[in-house]
Amino acid sequence: FKLVSIVFIFFYSFNYAQWSQIPLGTSVELFDLHFISVDTGWVVGRNSTVLKTTNGGIYWTPQQVNVSAEITSVYFVNANIGWASCSNGVIIKTTNGGESWVQKPTGINEVIYGIYFTSDMEGVAVSASWYNGYPHLGHILKTTDGGETWSIKITDYYDGLIDVFF
């Protein structure tokens, strides 16, 4: 019985992943991350924070964005083309892996909490304002031209929306 117990504990401890903290070089609150491979990914958060890793999260490099807002969600379709949603109703886009970002107005002012692209041209974003601690009055936005323009598909959805995934 002892031998079986020791073998079980040994087997269990080596076959299940362990979590460990990785320093990101920032103390701001982070909201979302997206990896396109085991090595390359981005994380976004408060104070216009965008960080990029190209070595699986061991080191993170800050990226400059020209928006003064919380960045709430990020999505990349490849190593160059990506989008991030902001707390001021703006979506930012990069075509060079995050070296530079361009603002893309959406026609709304509330927080865009989630963004997801099914290809480099088609994407969806969702938003919400808050009322008494709950998401309220959201929108569903859609683009078919790579995020250059956004159309509101559902307006004033009563409960608000905070994430999207396909």
Protein backbone atom coordinates (compact mmCIF):
# COMPACT_ATOMS: atom_id res chain seq x y z
CA PHE A 1 0.00 0.00 0.00
CA LYS A 2 2.82 2.43 0.88
CA LEU A 3 4.58 1.75 -2.40
CA VAL A 4 1.39 2.36 -4.40
CA SER A 5 0.76 5.59 -2.49
CA ILE A 6 4.30 6.86 -3.11
CA VAL A 7 4.09 6.01 -6.82
CA PHE A 8 0.70 7.76 -7.07
CA ILE A 9 1.98 10.93 -5.35
CA PHE A 10 5.12 10.94 -7.50
CA PHE A 11 3.08 10.44 -10.68
CA TYR A 12 0.52 13.07 -9.68
CA SER A 13 3.09 15.75 -8.86
CA PHE A 14 4.94 15.42 -12.18
CA ASN A 15 1.98 15.12 -14.52
CA TYR A 16 0.01 18.23 -13.56
CA ALA A 17 1.15 21.72 -14.46
CA GLN A 18 2.12 24.10 -11.74
CA TRP A 19 1.42 27.83 -11.92
CA SER A 20 4.17 30.35 -11.31
CA GLN A 21 4.20 34.13 -11.34
CA ILE A 22 6.07 35.93 -14.10
CA PRO A 23 7.00 39.58 -13.57
CA LEU A 24 5.63 41.81 -16.30
CA GLY A 25 7.45 45.00 -15.38
CA THR A 26 4.28 46.90 -14.54
CA SER A 27 2.05 47.31 -11.52
CA VAL A 28 -1.05 48.50 -13.39
CA GLU A 29 -4.21 46.41 -13.48
CA LEU A 30 -4.30 44.19 -16.57
CA PHE A 31 -7.52 43.15 -18.28
CA ASP A 32 -6.83 40.82 -21.20
CA LEU A 33 -4.15 38.89 -23.03
CA HIS A 34 -3.87 37.14 -26.35
CA PHE A 35 -1.18 34.78 -27.67
CA ILE A 36 -0.83 33.87 -31.34
CA SER A 37 1.81 31.21 -30.59
CA VAL A 38 3.60 29.75 -27.58
CA ASP A 39 6.10 32.62 -27.81
CA THR A 40 4.27 35.73 -29.05
CA GLY A 41 1.54 37.50 -27.13
CA TRP A 42 0.17 40.79 -25.84
CA VAL A 43 -1.38 41.92 -22.56
CA VAL A 44 -3.39 45.14 -22.07
CA GLY A 45 -4.68 47.20 -19.15
CA ARG A 46 -5.05 50.51 -17.35
CA ASN A 47 -3.17 53.69 -18.30
CA SER A 48 -3.02 52.74 -21.98
CA THR A 49 -0.84 49.75 -21.17
CA VAL A 50 0.14 47.34 -23.95
CA LEU A 51 2.96 44.85 -23.35
CA LYS A 52 4.33 42.35 -25.87
CA THR A 53 6.34 39.17 -25.39
CA THR A 54 8.19 37.18 -28.03
CA ASN A 55 9.65 34.56 -25.69
CA GLY A 56 6.63 32.96 -24.06
CA GLY A 57 6.17 35.60 -21.37
CA ILE A 58 9.64 35.59 -19.87
CA TYR A 59 10.22 39.23 -20.89
CA TRP A 60 7.60 41.84 -21.76
CA THR A 61 8.21 45.02 -23.77
CA PRO A 62 5.95 48.09 -23.42
CA GLN A 63 4.36 49.32 -26.64
CA GLN A 64 3.36 52.92 -27.21
CA VAL A 65 -0.27 53.67 -28.05
CA ASN A 66 -1.74 57.03 -28.93
CA VAL A 67 -4.90 56.71 -26.87
CA SER A 68 -5.60 58.00 -23.39
CA ALA A 69 -7.87 55.27 -22.02
CA GLU A 70 -7.96 51.89 -20.38
CA ILE A 71 -7.33 49.17 -22.93
CA THR A 72 -9.78 46.42 -22.13
CA SER A 73 -9.35 43.69 -24.75
CA VAL A 74 -6.82 42.64 -27.40
CA TYR A 75 -6.91 40.27 -30.37
CA PHE A 76 -4.37 39.46 -33.09
CA VAL A 77 -4.93 37.37 -36.23
CA ASN A 78 -1.19 37.04 -36.90
CA ALA A 79 2.12 38.50 -35.74
CA ASN A 80 1.41 41.86 -37.39
CA ILE A 81 -2.33 42.58 -37.49
CA GLY A 82 -4.18 43.19 -34.25
CA TRP A 83 -6.82 45.31 -32.54
CA ALA A 84 -7.48 46.48 -29.01
CA SER A 85 -10.64 47.93 -27.52
CA CYS A 86 -10.71 50.91 -25.19
CA SER A 87 -12.78 52.42 -22.40
CA ASN A 88 -13.68 55.49 -24.46
CA GLY A 89 -15.49 53.71 -27.31
CA VAL A 90 -12.41 53.66 -29.53
CA ILE A 91 -10.73 50.67 -31.15
CA ILE A 92 -7.04 50.83 -31.99
CA LYS A 93 -5.40 48.81 -34.76
CA THR A 94 -1.83 47.80 -35.56
CA THR A 95 -0.43 46.37 -38.77
CA ASN A 96 3.15 46.03 -37.54
CA GLY A 97 2.93 43.86 -34.42
CA GLY A 98 2.13 46.74 -32.09
CA GLU A 99 5.00 49.08 -32.98
CA SER A 100 2.37 51.70 -33.87
CA TRP A 101 -1.39 51.88 -33.34
CA VAL A 102 -4.08 53.88 -35.16
CA GLN A 103 -7.41 54.91 -33.60
CA LYS A 104 -10.60 53.73 -35.29
CA PRO A 105 -13.80 55.50 -34.12
CA THR A 106 -16.83 53.28 -33.55
CA GLY A 107 -19.71 55.72 -33.06
CA ILE A 108 -20.23 54.83 -29.40
CA ASN A 109 -18.81 56.27 -26.17
CA GLU A 110 -19.05 53.47 -23.62
CA VAL A 111 -16.44 50.88 -22.74
CA ILE A 112 -15.76 48.29 -25.43
CA TYR A 113 -15.04 45.23 -23.31
CA GLY A 114 -14.48 42.51 -25.88
CA ILE A 115 -13.12 42.23 -29.39
CA TYR A 116 -12.70 39.19 -31.62
CA PHE A 117 -11.84 38.68 -35.28
CA THR A 118 -12.71 35.63 -37.35
CA SER A 119 -10.35 36.77 -40.14
CA ASP A 120 -8.19 39.78 -40.91
CA MET A 121 -11.28 41.54 -42.31
CA GLU A 122 -14.26 40.46 -40.17
CA GLY A 123 -14.57 41.20 -36.49
CA VAL A 124 -17.03 41.85 -33.68
CA ALA A 125 -16.79 44.02 -30.58
CA VAL A 126 -19.16 44.33 -27.62
CA SER A 127 -19.74 47.15 -25.18
CA ALA A 128 -21.55 48.11 -22.01
CA SER A 129 -22.10 50.99 -19.68
CA TRP A 130 -22.57 50.29 -15.97
CA TYR A 131 -25.60 50.90 -13.77
CA ASN A 132 -25.71 49.96 -10.07
CA GLY A 133 -22.72 47.64 -10.50
CA TYR A 134 -24.07 45.71 -13.49
CA PRO A 135 -23.35 45.92 -17.22
CA HIS A 136 -26.18 47.84 -18.86
CA LEU A 137 -27.08 49.16 -22.33
CA GLY A 138 -24.54 47.45 -24.54
CA HIS A 139 -23.89 47.38 -28.26
CA ILE A 140 -22.69 44.79 -30.72
CA LEU A 141 -20.38 46.27 -33.34
CA LYS A 142 -19.22 44.62 -36.55
CA THR A 143 -16.57 45.34 -39.14
CA THR A 144 -16.07 43.75 -42.55
CA ASP A 145 -13.13 45.91 -43.66
CA GLY A 146 -10.46 45.02 -41.13
CA GLY A 147 -11.61 47.46 -38.47
CA GLU A 148 -11.46 50.57 -40.62
CA THR A 149 -15.17 51.20 -40.05
CA TRP A 150 -17.60 49.77 -37.51
CA SER A 151 -21.37 49.43 -37.77
CA ILE A 152 -23.69 49.03 -34.80
CA LYS A 153 -25.61 45.78 -35.26
CA ILE A 154 -27.53 45.80 -31.98
CA THR A 155 -28.02 49.04 -30.13
CA ASP A 156 -28.88 49.51 -26.47
CA TYR A 157 -28.98 45.82 -25.57
CA TYR A 158 -30.48 46.10 -22.10
CA ASP A 159 -28.02 43.93 -20.15
CA GLY A 160 -24.73 45.09 -21.65
CA LEU A 161 -22.04 42.77 -22.96
CA ILE A 162 -18.54 42.23 -21.62
CA ASP A 163 -16.94 39.59 -23.86
CA VAL A 164 -17.19 37.94 -27.26
CA PHE A 165 -15.70 34.76 -28.71
CA PHE A 166 -16.28 32.63 -31.82
